[in-house]
Amino acid sequence: MAFDVRCTHAGVPSALSGGSLKCPAHGSIFDPESGQVIRGPAVEPLKSYRTIETDGEIRILIS
């Protein structure tokens, strides 16, 4: 699974901080393993994409 790290509240890229993904704009925090909101103001999880491994490369499936 891969995630779009743009905050679902403000669209600002979140950054890994202390084991979670944190949005610098308004402080939303997301779980880096599930994309779920840990703390708002965001209410929607991060957008996720399925991934596959092919010939040693990880590919993101976008549909």
Protein backbone atom coordinates (compact mmCIF):
# COMPACT_ATOMS: atom_id res chain seq x y z
CA MET A 1 0.00 0.00 0.00
CA ALA A 2 1.22 3.49 -0.84
CA PHE A 3 -0.28 6.79 0.30
CA ASP A 4 -0.69 10.25 -1.15
CA VAL A 5 0.79 12.26 1.74
CA ARG A 6 -1.19 15.42 0.94
CA CYS A 7 -3.37 16.24 3.94
CA THR A 8 -7.04 15.59 3.21
CA HIS A 9 -7.92 18.80 5.06
CA ALA A 10 -5.62 21.36 3.48
CA GLY A 11 -3.79 19.54 0.68
CA VAL A 12 -0.40 20.35 2.20
CA PRO A 13 2.20 17.53 2.06
CA SER A 14 2.55 15.75 5.38
CA ALA A 15 5.98 14.76 6.68
CA LEU A 16 7.11 11.83 8.79
CA SER A 17 7.61 13.08 12.35
CA GLY A 18 7.98 10.93 15.45
CA GLY A 19 6.50 7.84 13.81
CA SER A 20 3.46 9.54 12.27
CA LEU A 21 2.68 11.74 9.27
CA LYS A 22 2.05 15.32 10.34
CA CYS A 23 0.60 18.16 8.28
CA PRO A 24 2.53 21.38 8.97
CA ALA A 25 -0.41 23.62 7.99
CA HIS A 26 -3.00 22.79 10.66
CA GLY A 27 -1.52 19.89 12.64
CA SER A 28 -3.48 16.91 11.32
CA ILE A 29 -1.73 13.63 12.12
CA PHE A 30 -2.04 10.41 10.12
CA ASP A 31 -0.98 6.82 10.79
CA PRO A 32 1.82 6.02 8.28
CA GLU A 33 0.80 2.35 8.07
CA SER A 34 -2.95 2.77 7.51
CA GLY A 35 -3.36 6.39 6.40
CA GLN A 36 -6.10 6.85 9.03
CA VAL A 37 -6.53 10.14 10.84
CA ILE A 38 -5.05 10.10 14.34
CA ARG A 39 -5.81 13.77 15.06
CA GLY A 40 -7.70 16.37 13.01
CA PRO A 41 -8.79 18.77 11.77
CA ALA A 42 -8.67 16.29 8.84
CA VAL A 43 -11.51 13.76 8.96
CA GLU A 44 -10.74 11.71 5.84
CA PRO A 45 -7.84 9.23 5.69
CA LEU A 46 -4.99 9.70 3.23
CA LYS A 47 -5.71 8.46 -0.27
CA SER A 48 -4.22 5.00 -0.72
CA TYR A 49 -3.01 3.06 -3.74
CA ARG A 50 -2.43 -0.64 -4.21
CA THR A 51 1.13 -1.68 -4.96
CA ILE A 52 2.70 -4.73 -6.57
CA GLU A 53 6.25 -5.97 -6.82
CA THR A 54 7.43 -6.87 -10.31
CA ASP A 55 10.99 -7.96 -11.05
CA GLY A 56 12.26 -6.41 -7.80
CA GLU A 57 10.51 -3.06 -8.41
CA ILE A 58 7.56 -1.75 -6.45
CA ARG A 59 4.87 -0.31 -8.69
CA ILE A 60 1.90 1.80 -7.66
CA LEU A 61 -1.39 0.86 -9.31
CA ILE A 62 -3.36 3.98 -10.15
CA SER A 63 -6.85 3.51 -11.50
